[in-house]
Amino acid sequence: MKIFLVKDVEKVGLAGEMVKIPDGFARNFIIPRGLGVEVTKANEQSFSKRIRVVEHRKDVVETKTSMLAEKIRGLRLKIKRKMHDDGKLYGAISATEIAELLGENGFSVSKNQVIIDKSIKAKGVYQVTIKLTARLTPQMTLEVVSE
């Protein structure tokens, strides 16, 4: 079945693309959740016009996002926390705290975009991944220091 994606669907495609997927997946998952619309012969031409407009918007967004990714790559932030004498934190640093720290430094990022490989529970330097898009995932450096 041909589907015009209204929203990005991981491992399927990006918003504004026309993709061919299995019928059951389209009827049971994509269409009921409002992620896509079925493409028929009658409406195929209108969707092909929309694709051109969406591609232009994607180019603009991609350049802005790639600029943001470059700024995040060079970023090194410090976070101060109370800790034990042996350098271990009283509680782990969460994705929400990192998103708030980025917000204080002028980067608008949600907690869902912050990917921490292993929990941050001690003093040290850590690499944190920020998932801007499916393809752009820059890493920043986070230094945890004692208060």
Protein backbone atom coordinates (compact mmCIF):
# COMPACT_ATOMS: atom_id res chain seq x y z
CA MET A 1 0.00 0.00 0.00
CA LYS A 2 1.25 3.48 -0.84
CA ILE A 3 1.15 5.93 2.06
CA PHE A 4 1.88 9.67 2.25
CA LEU A 5 3.53 10.22 5.64
CA VAL A 6 2.17 13.16 7.63
CA LYS A 7 4.68 12.70 10.48
CA ASP A 8 8.12 11.11 10.76
CA VAL A 9 7.94 7.38 11.44
CA GLU A 10 11.18 5.77 12.57
CA LYS A 11 12.51 3.09 10.19
CA VAL A 12 9.74 3.90 7.67
CA GLY A 13 10.28 7.43 6.42
CA LEU A 14 10.11 11.15 7.05
CA ALA A 15 7.09 13.45 6.92
CA GLY A 16 6.20 14.40 3.36
CA GLU A 17 7.47 11.20 1.78
CA MET A 18 5.44 8.71 -0.19
CA VAL A 19 6.37 5.19 0.90
CA LYS A 20 5.19 1.68 0.07
CA ILE A 21 4.49 -0.41 3.19
CA PRO A 22 2.58 -3.63 3.95
CA ASP A 23 -1.24 -3.24 4.00
CA GLY A 24 -1.69 -4.49 7.57
CA PHE A 25 0.94 -2.14 8.95
CA ALA A 26 -0.73 0.79 7.19
CA ARG A 27 -4.31 -0.06 8.23
CA ASN A 28 -3.53 -1.07 11.80
CA PHE A 29 -0.78 1.34 12.78
CA ILE A 30 -0.02 4.25 10.43
CA ILE A 31 -3.52 5.41 9.41
CA PRO A 32 -5.29 5.04 12.81
CA ARG A 33 -2.55 7.03 14.57
CA GLY A 34 -2.71 9.81 11.98
CA LEU A 35 0.86 9.25 10.86
CA GLY A 36 -0.04 8.87 7.20
CA VAL A 37 -2.76 8.94 4.55
CA GLU A 38 -3.47 6.30 1.91
CA VAL A 39 -2.51 7.34 -1.60
CA THR A 40 -5.06 6.48 -4.29
CA LYS A 41 -4.99 7.19 -8.01
CA ALA A 42 -7.38 10.09 -7.46
CA ASN A 43 -5.28 11.92 -4.87
CA GLU A 44 -1.77 10.85 -5.98
CA GLN A 45 -1.23 13.99 -8.05
CA SER A 46 -2.05 16.35 -5.17
CA PHE A 47 0.38 14.47 -2.90
CA SER A 48 3.15 14.67 -5.50
CA LYS A 49 2.75 18.48 -5.49
CA ARG A 50 2.93 18.50 -1.68
CA ILE A 51 6.16 16.48 -1.79
CA ARG A 52 7.93 19.27 -3.68
CA VAL A 53 6.85 21.87 -1.10
CA VAL A 54 7.85 19.62 1.80
CA GLU A 55 11.26 18.91 0.24
CA HIS A 56 11.98 22.64 0.08
CA ARG A 57 11.00 23.04 3.75
CA LYS A 58 13.17 20.05 4.68
CA ASP A 59 16.20 21.66 3.01
CA VAL A 60 15.72 24.83 5.07
CA VAL A 61 15.21 22.89 8.30
CA GLU A 62 18.17 20.61 7.56
CA THR A 63 20.56 23.53 7.19
CA LYS A 64 19.36 25.07 10.47
CA THR A 65 19.54 21.72 12.24
CA SER A 66 23.01 20.96 10.92
CA MET A 67 24.20 24.36 12.18
CA LEU A 68 22.71 23.54 15.59
CA ALA A 69 24.44 20.14 15.50
CA GLU A 70 27.81 21.79 14.89
CA LYS A 71 27.28 24.11 17.87
CA ILE A 72 26.34 21.16 20.09
CA ARG A 73 29.37 19.11 18.95
CA GLY A 74 31.76 21.72 20.31
CA LEU A 75 29.81 22.19 23.53
CA ARG A 76 31.35 21.39 26.92
CA LEU A 77 29.09 21.97 29.90
CA LYS A 78 29.71 21.64 33.63
CA ILE A 79 27.12 20.51 36.13
CA LYS A 80 27.69 20.88 39.88
CA ARG A 81 26.21 18.29 42.22
CA LYS A 82 26.59 17.22 45.83
CA MET A 83 28.52 13.99 46.16
CA HIS A 84 30.09 11.56 48.61
CA ASP A 85 33.76 11.79 49.56
CA ASP A 86 34.61 9.04 47.06
CA GLY A 87 33.22 11.06 44.12
CA LYS A 88 29.89 9.30 43.74
CA LEU A 89 26.70 11.33 43.37
CA TYR A 90 23.75 11.07 45.73
CA GLY A 91 21.48 10.55 42.72
CA ALA A 92 22.05 9.98 39.01
CA ILE A 93 21.89 12.88 36.55
CA SER A 94 18.80 12.54 34.37
CA ALA A 95 18.06 13.49 30.78
CA THR A 96 15.68 16.17 32.09
CA GLU A 97 18.51 17.89 33.98
CA ILE A 98 20.73 17.83 30.90
CA ALA A 99 17.90 19.25 28.74
CA GLU A 100 17.38 22.05 31.28
CA LEU A 101 21.13 22.78 31.32
CA LEU A 102 21.11 22.99 27.52
CA GLY A 103 18.07 25.30 27.72
CA GLU A 104 19.95 27.64 30.07
CA ASN A 105 22.72 27.80 27.45
CA GLY A 106 20.37 28.69 24.60
CA PHE A 107 19.64 25.27 23.08
CA SER A 108 16.00 24.20 22.93
CA VAL A 109 16.09 20.43 23.44
CA SER A 110 13.50 18.11 24.99
CA LYS A 111 14.40 15.37 27.45
CA ASN A 112 13.41 12.75 24.84
CA GLN A 113 16.21 13.96 22.58
CA VAL A 114 18.91 13.46 25.24
CA ILE A 115 20.46 9.99 25.05
CA ILE A 116 22.68 8.84 27.90
CA ASP A 117 24.58 5.59 27.21
CA LYS A 118 25.04 4.62 30.85
CA SER A 119 23.72 6.41 33.91
CA ILE A 120 25.82 9.25 35.26
CA LYS A 121 26.43 8.52 38.94
CA ALA A 122 29.97 9.75 39.60
CA LYS A 123 32.30 12.71 39.11
CA GLY A 124 33.96 12.81 35.71
CA VAL A 125 33.62 13.65 32.04
CA TYR A 126 30.85 12.03 29.97
CA GLN A 127 29.74 12.03 26.33
CA VAL A 128 26.02 12.72 25.90
CA THR A 129 24.25 12.27 22.56
CA ILE A 130 21.55 14.70 21.44
CA LYS A 131 19.19 13.24 18.83
CA LEU A 132 18.13 16.19 16.66
CA THR A 133 16.87 14.09 13.75
CA ALA A 134 17.13 10.44 12.76
CA ARG A 135 20.39 11.22 10.96
CA LEU A 136 21.83 14.04 13.09
CA THR A 137 22.98 12.91 16.53
CA PRO A 138 25.82 15.14 17.75
CA GLN A 139 27.65 14.39 20.99
CA MET A 140 28.45 16.96 23.65
CA THR A 141 30.76 16.75 26.63
CA LEU A 142 29.30 16.93 30.14
CA GLU A 143 31.61 17.40 33.10
CA VAL A 144 30.29 16.51 36.54
CA VAL A 145 32.03 18.38 39.37
CA SER A 146 31.58 18.62 43.12
CA GLU A 147 29.67 21.56 44.63
